[in-house]
Amino acid sequence: MSIATYSREFEEQLKRKNHVTPKNYLDYINTYVSIIKDKKKQIDSQVVRLEAGLIKLDEAADAVEVMSKELAIRKKGVDEKKEIVEGIIAGIASRTEIANEQQLMANEKQAELIVFNEKISKEEAAADIAL
C-alpha cells in the first residue's frame, strides 16, 4: 500500500509515472536475500577469525604458564649458583686482603734489608780500610 503512495509522490515531484509490478517485488526480495547472504558470509568469516584468535590466545596462555614454571625452576638453580659465586668472591676477597698484608710485610722487610745492606756495606768498607 505504501508503494502506491510513494508512486504518486514520485509522479508529482518528477512528473514521471512509476509502475510497480510483481517483478519489482521479486527483484527487491532477491536483492534483499543476496545482501543477507553477503552479510552472513562476512559475519561467518569474522567469527572464524575471532575463534582462531581466541585459540591462539589460549595457546599463548598455556605456553606462558609452562614457561613460568620453567622459569621458577631455573631461578632456583640460578639462586643456588649465585650463592656459590658469592662465597667464592668472598674467599677471593679474604685471600686478596691476606696477600696485601703479606705484601706490606714483605715491603717492610725489604726496606729493613736495604738499610741492613747499607749498614753492612759501610762496615765492610770500614773493615777493608782497617785491613
Protein backbone atom coordinates (compact mmCIF):
# COMPACT_ATOMS: atom_id res chain seq x y z
CA MET A 1 0.00 0.00 0.00
CA SER A 2 2.84 2.36 0.74
CA ILE A 3 4.23 1.80 -2.76
CA ALA A 4 1.12 3.35 -4.26
CA THR A 5 1.55 6.42 -2.05
CA TYR A 6 5.22 6.78 -2.91
CA SER A 7 4.44 6.31 -6.61
CA ARG A 8 2.01 9.25 -6.53
CA GLU A 9 4.60 11.42 -4.74
CA PHE A 10 7.21 10.41 -7.30
CA GLU A 11 4.86 11.38 -10.14
CA GLU A 12 4.03 14.74 -8.55
CA GLN A 13 7.68 15.66 -7.91
CA LEU A 14 9.34 14.38 -11.06
CA LYS A 15 6.38 14.32 -13.48
CA ARG A 16 7.10 10.71 -14.33
CA LYS A 17 4.99 7.65 -13.86
CA ASN A 18 6.20 4.77 -11.78
CA HIS A 19 4.65 1.38 -12.44
CA VAL A 20 5.07 -1.29 -9.79
CA THR A 21 4.90 -4.85 -10.97
CA PRO A 22 5.25 -8.19 -9.23
CA LYS A 23 8.70 -8.50 -10.85
CA ASN A 24 9.79 -5.38 -8.92
CA TYR A 25 8.82 -7.09 -5.67
CA LEU A 26 10.66 -10.26 -6.66
CA ASP A 27 13.75 -8.25 -7.60
CA TYR A 28 13.55 -6.43 -4.29
CA ILE A 29 13.27 -9.72 -2.40
CA ASN A 30 16.15 -11.28 -4.39
CA THR A 31 18.34 -8.25 -3.74
CA TYR A 32 17.47 -8.37 -0.05
CA VAL A 33 18.28 -12.09 0.10
CA SER A 34 21.62 -11.60 -1.67
CA ILE A 35 22.58 -8.79 0.72
CA ILE A 36 21.66 -11.00 3.68
CA LYS A 37 23.83 -13.83 2.26
CA ASP A 38 26.79 -11.48 1.79
CA LYS A 39 26.47 -10.13 5.31
CA LYS A 40 26.17 -13.67 6.71
CA LYS A 41 29.37 -14.64 4.89
CA GLN A 42 31.14 -11.60 6.32
CA ILE A 43 29.93 -12.38 9.82
CA ASP A 44 30.89 -16.06 9.47
CA SER A 45 34.39 -15.14 8.31
CA GLN A 46 34.74 -12.74 11.24
CA VAL A 47 33.54 -15.45 13.61
CA VAL A 48 36.15 -17.85 12.21
CA ARG A 49 38.87 -15.23 12.62
CA LEU A 50 37.74 -14.47 16.16
CA GLU A 51 37.70 -18.16 17.08
CA ALA A 52 41.20 -18.60 15.63
CA GLY A 53 42.38 -15.60 17.63
CA LEU A 54 40.87 -16.97 20.82
CA ILE A 55 42.53 -20.33 20.20
CA LYS A 56 45.87 -18.57 19.74
CA LEU A 57 45.33 -16.63 22.96
CA ASP A 58 44.58 -19.86 24.84
CA GLU A 59 47.71 -21.47 23.39
CA ALA A 60 49.77 -18.43 24.35
CA ALA A 61 48.36 -18.50 27.89
CA ASP A 62 49.28 -22.20 28.20
CA ALA A 63 52.77 -21.52 26.84
CA VAL A 64 53.24 -18.66 29.30
CA GLU A 65 52.18 -20.90 32.16
CA VAL A 66 54.65 -23.60 31.13
CA MET A 67 57.42 -21.05 30.69
CA SER A 68 56.72 -19.50 34.09
CA LYS A 69 57.07 -22.94 35.71
CA GLU A 70 60.36 -23.50 33.87
CA LEU A 71 61.49 -20.03 34.90
CA ALA A 72 60.75 -20.77 38.55
CA ILE A 73 62.80 -23.98 38.37
CA ARG A 74 65.70 -22.25 36.62
CA LYS A 75 65.55 -19.33 39.03
CA LYS A 76 66.15 -21.74 41.91
CA GLY A 77 69.24 -23.06 40.12
CA VAL A 78 70.48 -19.56 39.42
CA ASP A 79 69.96 -18.56 43.05
CA GLU A 80 71.97 -21.57 44.22
CA LYS A 81 74.79 -20.80 41.81
CA LYS A 82 74.65 -17.15 42.80
CA GLU A 83 75.22 -18.12 46.45
CA ILE A 84 78.19 -20.30 45.42
CA VAL A 85 79.70 -17.46 43.37
CA GLU A 86 79.21 -15.01 46.24
CA GLY A 87 81.04 -17.46 48.52
CA ILE A 88 83.88 -17.75 46.02
CA ILE A 89 84.07 -13.96 45.70
CA ALA A 90 84.17 -13.62 49.49
CA GLY A 91 87.02 -16.19 49.63
CA ILE A 92 88.91 -14.35 46.92
CA ALA A 93 88.41 -11.05 48.76
CA SER A 94 89.76 -12.52 52.02
CA ARG A 95 92.73 -14.07 50.20
CA THR A 96 93.40 -10.76 48.47
CA GLU A 97 93.38 -9.00 51.83
CA ILE A 98 95.81 -11.56 53.26
CA ALA A 99 98.04 -11.22 50.19
CA ASN A 100 98.01 -7.43 50.53
CA GLU A 101 99.03 -7.72 54.19
CA GLN A 102 101.82 -10.12 53.27
CA GLN A 103 102.94 -7.75 50.50
CA LEU A 104 103.11 -4.91 53.03
CA MET A 105 105.12 -7.09 55.40
CA ALA A 106 107.43 -8.07 52.54
CA ASN A 107 107.91 -4.42 51.59
CA GLU A 108 108.76 -3.58 55.21
CA LYS A 109 111.25 -6.46 55.36
CA GLN A 110 112.74 -5.33 52.07
CA ALA A 111 113.17 -1.80 53.44
CA GLU A 112 114.82 -3.25 56.56
CA LEU A 113 117.10 -5.39 54.40
CA ILE A 114 118.11 -2.38 52.30
CA VAL A 115 119.00 -0.48 55.47
CA PHE A 116 120.82 -3.54 56.79
CA ASN A 117 122.70 -3.97 53.46
CA GLU A 118 123.79 -0.34 53.57
CA LYS A 119 124.98 -0.82 57.17
CA ILE A 120 126.86 -3.99 56.18
CA SER A 121 128.40 -2.20 53.18
CA LYS A 122 129.63 0.59 55.44
CA GLU A 123 131.03 -1.89 57.98
CA GLU A 124 132.63 -3.89 55.15
CA ALA A 125 134.22 -0.73 53.77
CA ALA A 126 135.45 0.16 57.26
CA ALA A 127 136.78 -3.39 57.73
CA ASP A 128 138.57 -3.24 54.36
CA ILE A 129 140.16 0.06 55.34
CA ALA A 130 141.14 -1.41 58.69
CA LEU A 131 142.73 -4.43 56.98
